[in-house]
Amino acid sequence: MKKLLALSLLAAAVTGCATSPERIQPALVSQDQYMSIDCLQLDTSMTMAKADLKKFSDMQDAQVKKDAVSVFWVLIPVSWFTGDHEKDVAKSKGEVAAIQIAAAKKGCKALQA
């Protein structure tokens, strides 16, 4: 019985851990909001969106590490109590994708890499 309880707690802890930023899917963001601006403005928007993505990804990575340590010591992920930045990472990834689509439709060569 004790083994079953321990395994149940371990399974719950592992499934409740923060998701690595690389595994987070982008949120759906419409490129329509970017279609009215020129390539230079798209470049500026892309720079800001990538900076946000890096910031939130770094914050999410830190949360993943905290969860790993807390699960090791107390079998409970810290993110259960503090939350994580998964939605911010997903939104930032969606913004980057939307800007890339708008840039491709507008023929902005510098942003099509």
Protein backbone atom coordinates (compact mmCIF):
# COMPACT_ATOMS: atom_id res chain seq x y z
CA MET A 1 0.00 0.00 0.00
CA LYS A 2 2.83 2.37 0.85
CA LYS A 3 4.50 1.65 -2.48
CA LEU A 4 1.29 2.42 -4.35
CA LEU A 5 0.90 5.71 -2.50
CA ALA A 6 4.52 6.64 -3.18
CA LEU A 7 4.17 5.80 -6.88
CA SER A 8 0.95 7.79 -7.10
CA LEU A 9 2.59 10.82 -5.50
CA LEU A 10 5.58 10.50 -7.81
CA ALA A 11 3.38 10.23 -10.90
CA ALA A 12 1.36 13.26 -9.83
CA ALA A 13 4.52 15.26 -9.17
CA VAL A 14 6.11 14.41 -12.49
CA THR A 15 2.99 15.21 -14.53
CA GLY A 16 2.53 18.51 -12.70
CA CYS A 17 5.97 19.86 -13.49
CA ALA A 18 6.48 22.95 -15.63
CA THR A 19 6.88 22.25 -19.35
CA SER A 20 10.19 22.95 -21.06
CA PRO A 21 9.92 25.99 -23.40
CA GLU A 22 11.01 23.87 -26.38
CA ARG A 23 7.96 21.63 -25.90
CA ILE A 24 5.43 24.48 -25.68
CA GLN A 25 3.35 24.96 -28.81
CA PRO A 26 2.76 28.51 -30.11
CA ALA A 27 -0.58 30.13 -29.40
CA LEU A 28 -2.66 31.08 -32.42
CA VAL A 29 -2.02 34.75 -33.19
CA SER A 30 -3.46 36.38 -36.29
CA GLN A 31 -1.01 37.99 -38.69
CA ASP A 32 -3.76 40.48 -39.67
CA GLN A 33 -2.62 42.93 -37.00
CA TYR A 34 0.77 43.11 -38.74
CA MET A 35 -0.45 43.47 -42.31
CA SER A 36 -0.91 47.24 -42.04
CA ILE A 37 2.69 48.00 -41.09
CA ASP A 38 5.77 48.17 -43.30
CA CYS A 39 8.83 45.92 -43.30
CA LEU A 40 10.87 48.20 -41.04
CA GLN A 41 8.10 48.19 -38.44
CA LEU A 42 7.77 44.42 -38.81
CA ASP A 43 11.49 44.11 -38.13
CA THR A 44 11.09 46.18 -34.96
CA SER A 45 8.08 44.10 -33.90
CA MET A 46 10.05 40.90 -34.53
CA THR A 47 12.94 42.14 -32.40
CA MET A 48 10.57 42.88 -29.52
CA ALA A 49 8.68 39.59 -29.93
CA LYS A 50 11.91 37.58 -29.92
CA ALA A 51 13.13 39.47 -26.83
CA ASP A 52 9.85 38.63 -25.05
CA LEU A 53 10.15 34.99 -26.15
CA LYS A 54 13.68 34.78 -24.76
CA LYS A 55 12.68 36.42 -21.48
CA PHE A 56 9.67 34.15 -20.92
CA SER A 57 11.59 31.06 -22.09
CA ASP A 58 14.36 31.83 -19.59
CA MET A 59 11.78 32.29 -16.84
CA GLN A 60 10.11 29.00 -17.80
CA ASP A 61 13.49 27.20 -17.84
CA ALA A 62 14.12 28.49 -14.32
CA GLN A 63 10.72 27.17 -13.24
CA VAL A 64 11.48 23.76 -14.79
CA LYS A 65 14.72 23.60 -12.78
CA LYS A 66 12.97 24.64 -9.56
CA ASP A 67 10.37 21.95 -10.13
CA ALA A 68 13.03 19.30 -10.67
CA VAL A 69 14.71 20.21 -7.38
CA SER A 70 11.47 20.41 -5.42
CA VAL A 71 10.20 17.10 -6.80
CA PHE A 72 13.50 15.50 -5.85
CA TRP A 73 13.26 16.75 -2.26
CA VAL A 74 9.53 16.91 -1.45
CA LEU A 75 7.77 15.22 -4.42
CA ILE A 76 5.77 18.40 -5.12
CA PRO A 77 6.59 20.78 -7.99
CA VAL A 78 6.96 24.40 -6.94
CA SER A 79 4.92 25.44 -10.01
CA TRP A 80 1.82 23.95 -8.37
CA PHE A 81 1.98 26.90 -5.98
CA THR A 82 3.78 29.63 -7.93
CA GLY A 83 2.56 28.93 -11.46
CA ASP A 84 4.71 29.01 -14.55
CA HIS A 85 5.13 31.02 -17.76
CA GLU A 86 3.80 28.50 -20.28
CA LYS A 87 1.07 30.85 -21.58
CA ASP A 88 3.57 33.69 -22.00
CA VAL A 89 5.94 31.45 -23.96
CA ALA A 90 3.10 30.19 -26.16
CA LYS A 91 1.87 33.72 -26.85
CA SER A 92 5.38 34.95 -27.67
CA LYS A 93 5.94 32.02 -30.04
CA GLY A 94 2.62 32.83 -31.69
CA GLU A 95 3.61 36.49 -32.11
CA VAL A 96 6.89 35.52 -33.75
CA ALA A 97 5.07 33.15 -36.12
CA ALA A 98 2.43 35.77 -36.99
CA ILE A 99 5.11 38.36 -37.77
CA GLN A 100 6.97 35.85 -39.94
CA ILE A 101 3.79 35.10 -41.91
CA ALA A 102 3.00 38.80 -42.35
CA ALA A 103 6.59 39.49 -43.45
CA ALA A 104 6.44 36.66 -46.00
CA LYS A 105 3.13 37.92 -47.41
CA LYS A 106 4.52 41.45 -47.68
CA GLY A 107 7.79 40.25 -49.23
CA CYS A 108 10.05 41.54 -46.47
CA LYS A 109 13.30 39.81 -47.42
CA ALA A 110 15.18 40.49 -44.16
CA LEU A 111 12.54 38.70 -42.05
CA GLN A 112 12.13 35.60 -44.17
CA ALA A 113 15.15 33.78 -42.74
